[in-house]
Amino acid sequence: MSDKSHPSFDVSVVAPALESLHEHITRTKGRIEISRRGTDDRCVLISKDELACLEHAIELLSETDSYRDIAGQVAAVAADCVQAS
């Protein structure tokens, strides 16, 4: 996840600054990407409010006909893959 709309920091920088980052993220509803030297793995620190908004958006989208159509297509492809193996 290397979206440039939010900053990225190595865990070695984040660890000692976690308290101030927590304050900043909860106050601004922002996010930061956290990386670790020697790996391409990433995680993102977001506010609980932002997470709740994202979860609510997913819930709303999952109730649409478009979502049900896509879910059906994914299930069909998965079934085809199982039959092919």
PDB file of N, CA and C in Angstrom:
ATOM      1  N   MET A   1       0.855  -1.176   0.000  1.00  0.00           N
ATOM      2  CA  MET A   1       0.000   0.000   0.000  1.00  0.00           C
ATOM      3  C   MET A   1       0.889   1.223   0.000  1.00  0.00           C
ATOM      4  N   SER A   2       1.153   1.756  -1.135  1.00  0.00           N
ATOM      5  CA  SER A   2       2.044   2.895  -1.139  1.00  0.00           C
ATOM      6  C   SER A   2       1.348   4.111  -1.713  1.00  0.00           C
ATOM      7  N   ASP A   3       0.214   4.393  -1.136  1.00  0.00           N
ATOM      8  CA  ASP A   3      -0.561   5.571  -1.482  1.00  0.00           C
ATOM      9  C   ASP A   3       0.184   6.792  -0.974  1.00  0.00           C
ATOM     10  N   LYS A   4       0.407   7.763  -1.846  1.00  0.00           N
ATOM     11  CA  LYS A   4       1.177   8.951  -1.461  1.00  0.00           C
ATOM     12  C   LYS A   4       0.322  10.007  -0.763  1.00  0.00           C
ATOM     13  N   SER A   5      -0.942   9.694  -0.458  1.00  0.00           N
ATOM     14  CA  SER A   5      -1.791  10.667   0.226  1.00  0.00           C
ATOM     15  C   SER A   5      -1.521  10.709   1.728  1.00  0.00           C
ATOM     16  N   HIS A   6      -0.697   9.792   2.211  1.00  0.00           N
ATOM     17  CA  HIS A   6      -0.337   9.800   3.619  1.00  0.00           C
ATOM     18  C   HIS A   6       1.135   9.449   3.758  1.00  0.00           C
ATOM     19  N   PRO A   7       1.777   9.953   4.812  1.00  0.00           N
ATOM     20  CA  PRO A   7       3.217   9.725   4.971  1.00  0.00           C
ATOM     21  C   PRO A   7       3.553   8.286   5.331  1.00  0.00           C
ATOM     22  N   SER A   8       4.791   7.909   5.055  1.00  0.00           N
ATOM     23  CA  SER A   8       5.286   6.573   5.371  1.00  0.00           C
ATOM     24  C   SER A   8       6.533   6.712   6.241  1.00  0.00           C
ATOM     25  N   PHE A   9       6.598   5.928   7.322  1.00  0.00           N
ATOM     26  CA  PHE A   9       7.721   5.973   8.247  1.00  0.00           C
ATOM     27  C   PHE A   9       8.206   4.571   8.560  1.00  0.00           C
ATOM     28  N   ASP A  10       9.483   4.426   8.764  1.00  0.00           N
ATOM     29  CA  ASP A  10      10.044   3.161   9.216  1.00  0.00           C
ATOM     30  C   ASP A  10       9.672   2.962  10.681  1.00  0.00           C
ATOM     31  N   VAL A  11       9.479   1.702  11.066  1.00  0.00           N
ATOM     32  CA  VAL A  11       9.077   1.376  12.439  1.00  0.00           C
ATOM     33  C   VAL A  11      10.089   1.914  13.459  1.00  0.00           C
ATOM     34  N   SER A  12      11.347   2.024  13.075  1.00  0.00           N
ATOM     35  CA  SER A  12      12.355   2.548  14.003  1.00  0.00           C
ATOM     36  C   SER A  12      12.101   4.014  14.353  1.00  0.00           C
ATOM     37  N   VAL A  13      11.427   4.722  13.468  1.00  0.00           N
ATOM     38  CA  VAL A  13      11.057   6.119  13.732  1.00  0.00           C
ATOM     39  C   VAL A  13       9.739   6.173  14.501  1.00  0.00           C
ATOM     40  N   VAL A  14       8.835   5.259  14.184  1.00  0.00           N
ATOM     41  CA  VAL A  14       7.503   5.260  14.786  1.00  0.00           C
ATOM     42  C   VAL A  14       7.552   4.871  16.264  1.00  0.00           C
ATOM     43  N   ALA A  15       8.317   3.841  16.582  1.00  0.00           N
ATOM     44  CA  ALA A  15       8.312   3.307  17.950  1.00  0.00           C
ATOM     45  C   ALA A  15       8.533   4.383  19.017  1.00  0.00           C
ATOM     46  N   PRO A  16       9.601   5.160  18.924  1.00  0.00           N
ATOM     47  CA  PRO A  16       9.797   6.155  19.988  1.00  0.00           C
ATOM     48  C   PRO A  16       8.813   7.330  19.934  1.00  0.00           C
ATOM     49  N   ALA A  17       8.136   7.499  18.803  1.00  0.00           N
ATOM     50  CA  ALA A  17       7.218   8.630  18.648  1.00  0.00           C
ATOM     51  C   ALA A  17       5.758   8.203  18.689  1.00  0.00           C
ATOM     52  N   LEU A  18       5.485   6.982  19.141  1.00  0.00           N
ATOM     53  CA  LEU A  18       4.124   6.445  19.071  1.00  0.00           C
ATOM     54  C   LEU A  18       3.102   7.303  19.812  1.00  0.00           C
ATOM     55  N   GLU A  19       3.451   7.811  20.963  1.00  0.00           N
ATOM     56  CA  GLU A  19       2.494   8.626  21.724  1.00  0.00           C
ATOM     57  C   GLU A  19       2.103   9.882  20.947  1.00  0.00           C
ATOM     58  N   SER A  20       3.070  10.580  20.375  1.00  0.00           N
ATOM     59  CA  SER A  20       2.739  11.796  19.625  1.00  0.00           C
ATOM     60  C   SER A  20       2.038  11.463  18.312  1.00  0.00           C
ATOM     61  N   LEU A  21       2.392  10.345  17.682  1.00  0.00           N
ATOM     62  CA  LEU A  21       1.694   9.925  16.470  1.00  0.00           C
ATOM     63  C   LEU A  21       0.247   9.560  16.786  1.00  0.00           C
ATOM     64  N   HIS A  22       0.028   8.873  17.900  1.00  0.00           N
ATOM     65  CA  HIS A  22      -1.331   8.536  18.330  1.00  0.00           C
ATOM     66  C   HIS A  22      -2.155   9.815  18.480  1.00  0.00           C
ATOM     67  N   GLU A  23      -1.599  10.804  19.135  1.00  0.00           N
ATOM     68  CA  GLU A  23      -2.314  12.075  19.323  1.00  0.00           C
ATOM     69  C   GLU A  23      -2.622  12.727  17.979  1.00  0.00           C
ATOM     70  N   HIS A  24      -1.656  12.750  17.083  1.00  0.00           N
ATOM     71  CA  HIS A  24      -1.834  13.380  15.771  1.00  0.00           C
ATOM     72  C   HIS A  24      -2.904  12.652  14.952  1.00  0.00           C
ATOM     73  N   ILE A  25      -2.827  11.329  14.905  1.00  0.00           N
ATOM     74  CA  ILE A  25      -3.763  10.542  14.103  1.00  0.00           C
ATOM     75  C   ILE A  25      -5.189  10.672  14.639  1.00  0.00           C
ATOM     76  N   THR A  26      -5.360  10.588  15.947  1.00  0.00           N
ATOM     77  CA  THR A  26      -6.716  10.684  16.501  1.00  0.00           C
ATOM     78  C   THR A  26      -7.283  12.097  16.350  1.00  0.00           C
ATOM     79  N   ARG A  27      -6.419  13.101  16.393  1.00  0.00           N
ATOM     80  CA  ARG A  27      -6.881  14.483  16.260  1.00  0.00           C
ATOM     81  C   ARG A  27      -7.223  14.831  14.814  1.00  0.00           C
ATOM     82  N   THR A  28      -6.401  14.381  13.860  1.00  0.00           N
ATOM     83  CA  THR A  28      -6.577  14.783  12.459  1.00  0.00           C
ATOM     84  C   THR A  28      -7.381  13.779  11.642  1.00  0.00           C
ATOM     85  N   LYS A  29      -7.668  12.602  12.218  1.00  0.00           N
ATOM     86  CA  LYS A  29      -8.344  11.515  11.489  1.00  0.00           C
ATOM     87  C   LYS A  29      -7.521  11.106  10.269  1.00  0.00           C
ATOM     88  N   GLY A  30      -6.211  11.273  10.366  1.00  0.00           N
ATOM     89  CA  GLY A  30      -5.314  10.927   9.265  1.00  0.00           C
ATOM     90  C   GLY A  30      -4.849   9.496   9.349  1.00  0.00           C
ATOM     91  N   ARG A  31      -3.751   9.221   8.666  1.00  0.00           N
ATOM     92  CA  ARG A  31      -3.163   7.889   8.691  1.00  0.00           C
ATOM     93  C   ARG A  31      -1.692   7.983   8.329  1.00  0.00           C
ATOM     94  N   ILE A  32      -0.940   7.001   8.773  1.00  0.00           N
ATOM     95  CA  ILE A  32       0.452   6.889   8.364  1.00  0.00           C
ATOM     96  C   ILE A  32       0.737   5.433   8.016  1.00  0.00           C
ATOM     97  N   GLU A  33       1.606   5.253   7.048  1.00  0.00           N
ATOM     98  CA  GLU A  33       2.056   3.921   6.666  1.00  0.00           C
ATOM     99  C   GLU A  33       3.328   3.619   7.442  1.00  0.00           C
ATOM    100  N   ILE A  34       3.414   2.395   7.951  1.00  0.00           N
ATOM    101  CA  ILE A  34       4.582   1.994   8.732  1.00  0.00           C
ATOM    102  C   ILE A  34       5.281   0.860   7.996  1.00  0.00           C
ATOM    103  N   SER A  35       6.567   1.057   7.743  1.00  0.00           N
ATOM    104  CA  SER A  35       7.374   0.057   7.046  1.00  0.00           C
ATOM    105  C   SER A  35       8.440  -0.489   7.990  1.00  0.00           C
ATOM    106  N   ARG A  36       9.139  -1.496   7.517  1.00  0.00           N
ATOM    107  CA  ARG A  36      10.221  -2.070   8.315  1.00  0.00           C
ATOM    108  C   ARG A  36      11.366  -2.393   7.376  1.00  0.00           C
ATOM    109  N   ARG A  37      12.552  -1.966   7.746  1.00  0.00           N
ATOM    110  CA  ARG A  37      13.735  -2.187   6.928  1.00  0.00           C
ATOM    111  C   ARG A  37      13.911  -3.676   6.635  1.00  0.00           C
ATOM    112  N   GLY A  38      14.227  -3.987   5.388  1.00  0.00           N
ATOM    113  CA  GLY A  38      14.488  -5.364   5.003  1.00  0.00           C
ATOM    114  C   GLY A  38      13.267  -6.135   4.554  1.00  0.00           C
ATOM    115  N   THR A  39      12.107  -5.493   4.499  1.00  0.00           N
ATOM    116  CA  THR A  39      10.884  -6.178   4.059  1.00  0.00           C
ATOM    117  C   THR A  39       9.991  -5.193   3.311  1.00  0.00           C
ATOM    118  N   ASP A  40       9.173  -5.728   2.450  1.00  0.00           N
ATOM    119  CA  ASP A  40       8.201  -4.891   1.733  1.00  0.00           C
ATOM    120  C   ASP A  40       6.864  -4.825   2.464  1.00  0.00           C
ATOM    121  N   ASP A  41       6.745  -5.509   3.602  1.00  0.00           N
ATOM    122  CA  ASP A  41       5.502  -5.507   4.373  1.00  0.00           C
ATOM    123  C   ASP A  41       5.218  -4.122   4.927  1.00  0.00           C
ATOM    124  N   ARG A  42       3.948  -3.757   4.936  1.00  0.00           N
ATOM    125  CA  ARG A  42       3.519  -2.457   5.435  1.00  0.00           C
ATOM    126  C   ARG A  42       2.276  -2.633   6.295  1.00  0.00           C
ATOM    127  N   CYS A  43       2.055  -1.705   7.204  1.00  0.00           N
ATOM    128  CA  CYS A  43       0.792  -1.601   7.914  1.00  0.00           C
ATOM    129  C   CYS A  43       0.434  -0.121   7.970  1.00  0.00           C
ATOM    130  N   VAL A  44      -0.795   0.158   8.351  1.00  0.00           N
ATOM    131  CA  VAL A  44      -1.253   1.545   8.384  1.00  0.00           C
ATOM    132  C   VAL A  44      -1.869   1.821   9.747  1.00  0.00           C
ATOM    133  N   LEU A  45      -1.477   2.923  10.348  1.00  0.00           N
ATOM    134  CA  LEU A  45      -2.057   3.380  11.603  1.00  0.00           C
ATOM    135  C   LEU A  45      -3.130   4.405  11.252  1.00  0.00           C
ATOM    136  N   ILE A  46      -4.390   4.089  11.607  1.00  0.00           N
ATOM    137  CA  ILE A  46      -5.501   5.000  11.349  1.00  0.00           C
ATOM    138  C   ILE A  46      -6.279   5.200  12.640  1.00  0.00           C
ATOM    139  N   SER A  47      -7.075   6.243  12.662  1.00  0.00           N
ATOM    140  CA  SER A  47      -7.889   6.494  13.854  1.00  0.00           C
ATOM    141  C   SER A  47      -9.042   5.501  13.913  1.00  0.00           C
ATOM    142  N   LYS A  48      -9.540   5.269  15.104  1.00  0.00           N
ATOM    143  CA  LYS A  48     -10.692   4.382  15.273  1.00  0.00           C
ATOM    144  C   LYS A  48     -11.906   4.942  14.548  1.00  0.00           C
ATOM    145  N   ASP A  49     -12.047   6.266  14.536  1.00  0.00           N
ATOM    146  CA  ASP A  49     -13.166   6.894  13.826  1.00  0.00           C
ATOM    147  C   ASP A  49     -13.089   6.623  12.329  1.00  0.00           C
ATOM    148  N   GLU A  50     -11.883   6.701  11.748  1.00  0.00           N
ATOM    149  CA  GLU A  50     -11.732   6.434  10.322  1.00  0.00           C
ATOM    150  C   GLU A  50     -12.050   4.968  10.025  1.00  0.00           C
ATOM    151  N   LEU A  51     -11.587   4.065  10.875  1.00  0.00           N
ATOM    152  CA  LEU A  51     -11.890   2.643  10.700  1.00  0.00           C
ATOM    153  C   LEU A  51     -13.400   2.408  10.727  1.00  0.00           C
ATOM    154  N   ALA A  52     -14.080   3.042  11.667  1.00  0.00           N
ATOM    155  CA  ALA A  52     -15.538   2.895  11.763  1.00  0.00           C
ATOM    156  C   ALA A  52     -16.213   3.399  10.488  1.00  0.00           C
ATOM    157  N   CYS A  53     -15.736   4.510   9.941  1.00  0.00           N
ATOM    158  CA  CYS A  53     -16.304   5.039   8.692  1.00  0.00           C
ATOM    159  C   CYS A  53     -16.075   4.073   7.535  1.00  0.00           C
ATOM    160  N   LEU A  54     -14.878   3.508   7.445  1.00  0.00           N
ATOM    161  CA  LEU A  54     -14.581   2.543   6.387  1.00  0.00           C
ATOM    162  C   LEU A  54     -15.458   1.305   6.512  1.00  0.00           C
ATOM    163  N   GLU A  55     -15.605   0.812   7.731  1.00  0.00           N
ATOM    164  CA  GLU A  55     -16.454  -0.366   7.953  1.00  0.00           C
ATOM    165  C   GLU A  55     -17.903  -0.070   7.599  1.00  0.00           C
ATOM    166  N   HIS A  56     -18.369   1.116   7.924  1.00  0.00           N
ATOM    167  CA  HIS A  56     -19.745   1.504   7.600  1.00  0.00           C
ATOM    168  C   HIS A  56     -19.927   1.589   6.081  1.00  0.00           C
ATOM    169  N   ALA A  57     -18.941   2.147   5.389  1.00  0.00           N
ATOM    170  CA  ALA A  57     -19.010   2.243   3.927  1.00  0.00           C
ATOM    171  C   ALA A  57     -19.077   0.855   3.300  1.00  0.00           C
ATOM    172  N   ILE A  58     -18.279  -0.082   3.802  1.00  0.00           N
ATOM    173  CA  ILE A  58     -18.310  -1.453   3.286  1.00  0.00           C
ATOM    174  C   ILE A  58     -19.676  -2.084   3.540  1.00  0.00           C
ATOM    175  N   GLU A  59     -20.215  -1.841   4.715  1.00  0.00           N
ATOM    176  CA  GLU A  59     -21.539  -2.381   5.038  1.00  0.00           C
ATOM    177  C   GLU A  59     -22.593  -1.851   4.070  1.00  0.00           C
ATOM    178  N   LEU A  60     -22.557  -0.551   3.791  1.00  0.00           N
ATOM    179  CA  LEU A  60     -23.521   0.035   2.858  1.00  0.00           C
ATOM    180  C   LEU A  60     -23.342  -0.523   1.455  1.00  0.00           C
ATOM    181  N   LEU A  61     -22.094  -0.624   1.014  1.00  0.00           N
ATOM    182  CA  LEU A  61     -21.829  -1.142  -0.328  1.00  0.00           C
ATOM    183  C   LEU A  61     -22.253  -2.599  -0.464  1.00  0.00           C
ATOM    184  N   SER A  62     -22.108  -3.361   0.609  1.00  0.00           N
ATOM    185  CA  SER A  62     -22.442  -4.784   0.538  1.00  0.00           C
ATOM    186  C   SER A  62     -23.936  -5.015   0.372  1.00  0.00           C
ATOM    187  N   GLU A  63     -24.724  -3.989   0.573  1.00  0.00           N
ATOM    188  CA  GLU A  63     -26.180  -4.112   0.433  1.00  0.00           C
ATOM    189  C   GLU A  63     -26.666  -3.711  -0.961  1.00  0.00           C
ATOM    190  N   THR A  64     -25.742  -3.395  -1.879  1.00  0.00           N
ATOM    191  CA  THR A  64     -26.139  -2.955  -3.216  1.00  0.00           C
ATOM    192  C   THR A  64     -26.207  -4.132  -4.184  1.00  0.00           C
ATOM    193  N   ASP A  65     -26.978  -3.950  -5.240  1.00  0.00           N
ATOM    194  CA  ASP A  65     -27.070  -4.968  -6.285  1.00  0.00           C
ATOM    195  C   ASP A  65     -25.721  -5.181  -6.963  1.00  0.00           C
ATOM    196  N   SER A  66     -24.964  -4.099  -7.148  1.00  0.00           N
ATOM    197  CA  SER A  66     -23.650  -4.220  -7.789  1.00  0.00           C
ATOM    198  C   SER A  66     -22.730  -5.129  -6.991  1.00  0.00           C
ATOM    199  N   TYR A  67     -22.747  -4.984  -5.673  1.00  0.00           N
ATOM    200  CA  TYR A  67     -21.920  -5.839  -4.823  1.00  0.00           C
ATOM    201  C   TYR A  67     -22.343  -7.298  -4.964  1.00  0.00           C
ATOM    202  N   ARG A  68     -23.630  -7.527  -4.934  1.00  0.00           N
ATOM    203  CA  ARG A  68     -24.122  -8.914  -5.055  1.00  0.00           C
ATOM    204  C   ARG A  68     -23.732  -9.514  -6.405  1.00  0.00           C
ATOM    205  N   ASP A  69     -23.777  -8.701  -7.468  1.00  0.00           N
ATOM    206  CA  ASP A  69     -23.354  -9.182  -8.792  1.00  0.00           C
ATOM    207  C   ASP A  69     -21.869  -9.553  -8.792  1.00  0.00           C
ATOM    208  N   ILE A  70     -21.047  -8.691  -8.225  1.00  0.00           N
ATOM    209  CA  ILE A  70     -19.604  -8.954  -8.170  1.00  0.00           C
ATOM    210  C   ILE A  70     -19.327 -10.182  -7.310  1.00  0.00           C
ATOM    211  N   ALA A  71     -20.001 -10.293  -6.171  1.00  0.00           N
ATOM    212  CA  ALA A  71     -19.810 -11.451  -5.294  1.00  0.00           C
ATOM    213  C   ALA A  71     -20.194 -12.736  -6.020  1.00  0.00           C
ATOM    214  N   GLY A  72     -21.250 -12.698  -6.801  1.00  0.00           N
ATOM    215  CA  GLY A  72     -21.655 -13.860  -7.579  1.00  0.00           C
ATOM    216  C   GLY A  72     -20.624 -14.228  -8.630  1.00  0.00           C
ATOM    217  N   GLN A  73     -20.039 -13.218  -9.278  1.00  0.00           N
ATOM    218  CA  GLN A  73     -19.006 -13.464 -10.287  1.00  0.00           C
ATOM    219  C   GLN A  73     -17.754 -14.062  -9.654  1.00  0.00           C
ATOM    220  N   VAL A  74     -17.371 -13.550  -8.502  1.00  0.00           N
ATOM    221  CA  VAL A  74     -16.205 -14.083  -7.795  1.00  0.00           C
ATOM    222  C   VAL A  74     -16.455 -15.526  -7.382  1.00  0.00           C
ATOM    223  N   ALA A  75     -17.638 -15.825  -6.894  1.00  0.00           N
ATOM    224  CA  ALA A  75     -17.985 -17.191  -6.491  1.00  0.00           C
ATOM    225  C   ALA A  75     -17.940 -18.129  -7.696  1.00  0.00           C
ATOM    226  N   ALA A  76     -18.410 -17.662  -8.844  1.00  0.00           N
ATOM    227  CA  ALA A  76     -18.385 -18.490 -10.060  1.00  0.00           C
ATOM    228  C   ALA A  76     -16.953 -18.773 -10.509  1.00  0.00           C
ATOM    229  N   VAL A  77     -16.106 -17.764 -10.469  1.00  0.00           N
ATOM    230  CA  VAL A  77     -14.702 -17.967 -10.830  1.00  0.00           C
ATOM    231  C   VAL A  77     -14.034 -18.925  -9.858  1.00  0.00           C
ATOM    232  N   ALA A  78     -14.300 -18.767  -8.578  1.00  0.00           N
ATOM    233  CA  ALA A  78     -13.729 -19.669  -7.573  1.00  0.00           C
ATOM    234  C   ALA A  78     -14.193 -21.107  -7.804  1.00  0.00           C
ATOM    235  N   ALA A  79     -15.461 -21.282  -8.126  1.00  0.00           N
ATOM    236  CA  ALA A  79     -15.984 -22.623  -8.399  1.00  0.00           C
ATOM    237  C   ALA A  79     -15.317 -23.225  -9.632  1.00  0.00           C
ATOM    238  N   ASP A  80     -15.112 -22.412 -10.671  1.00  0.00           N
ATOM    239  CA  ASP A  80     -14.415 -22.883 -11.867  1.00  0.00           C
ATOM    240  C   ASP A  80     -12.993 -23.317 -11.552  1.00  0.00           C
ATOM    241  N   CYS A  81     -12.327 -22.563 -10.681  1.00  0.00           N
ATOM    242  CA  CYS A  81     -10.942 -22.893 -10.309  1.00  0.00           C
ATOM    243  C   CYS A  81     -10.882 -24.219  -9.551  1.00  0.00           C
ATOM    244  N   VAL A  82     -11.849 -24.442  -8.679  1.00  0.00           N
ATOM    245  CA  VAL A  82     -11.895 -25.693  -7.906  1.00  0.00           C
ATOM    246  C   VAL A  82     -12.135 -26.869  -8.840  1.00  0.00           C
ATOM    247  N   GLN A  83     -13.044 -26.706  -9.800  1.00  0.00           N
ATOM    248  CA  GLN A  83     -13.341 -27.782 -10.744  1.00  0.00           C
ATOM    249  C   GLN A  83     -12.151 -28.075 -11.650  1.00  0.00           C
ATOM    250  N   ALA A  84     -11.372 -27.037 -11.987  1.00  0.00           N
ATOM    251  CA  ALA A  84     -10.227 -27.214 -12.886  1.00  0.00           C
ATOM    252  C   ALA A  84      -9.064 -27.912 -12.201  1.00  0.00           C
ATOM    253  N   SER A  85      -9.029 -27.898 -10.876  1.00  0.00           N
ATOM    254  CA  SER A  85      -7.875 -28.505 -10.188  1.00  0.00           C
ATOM    255  C   SER A  85      -8.099 -29.915  -9.759  1.00  0.00           C
TER     256      SER A  85
END
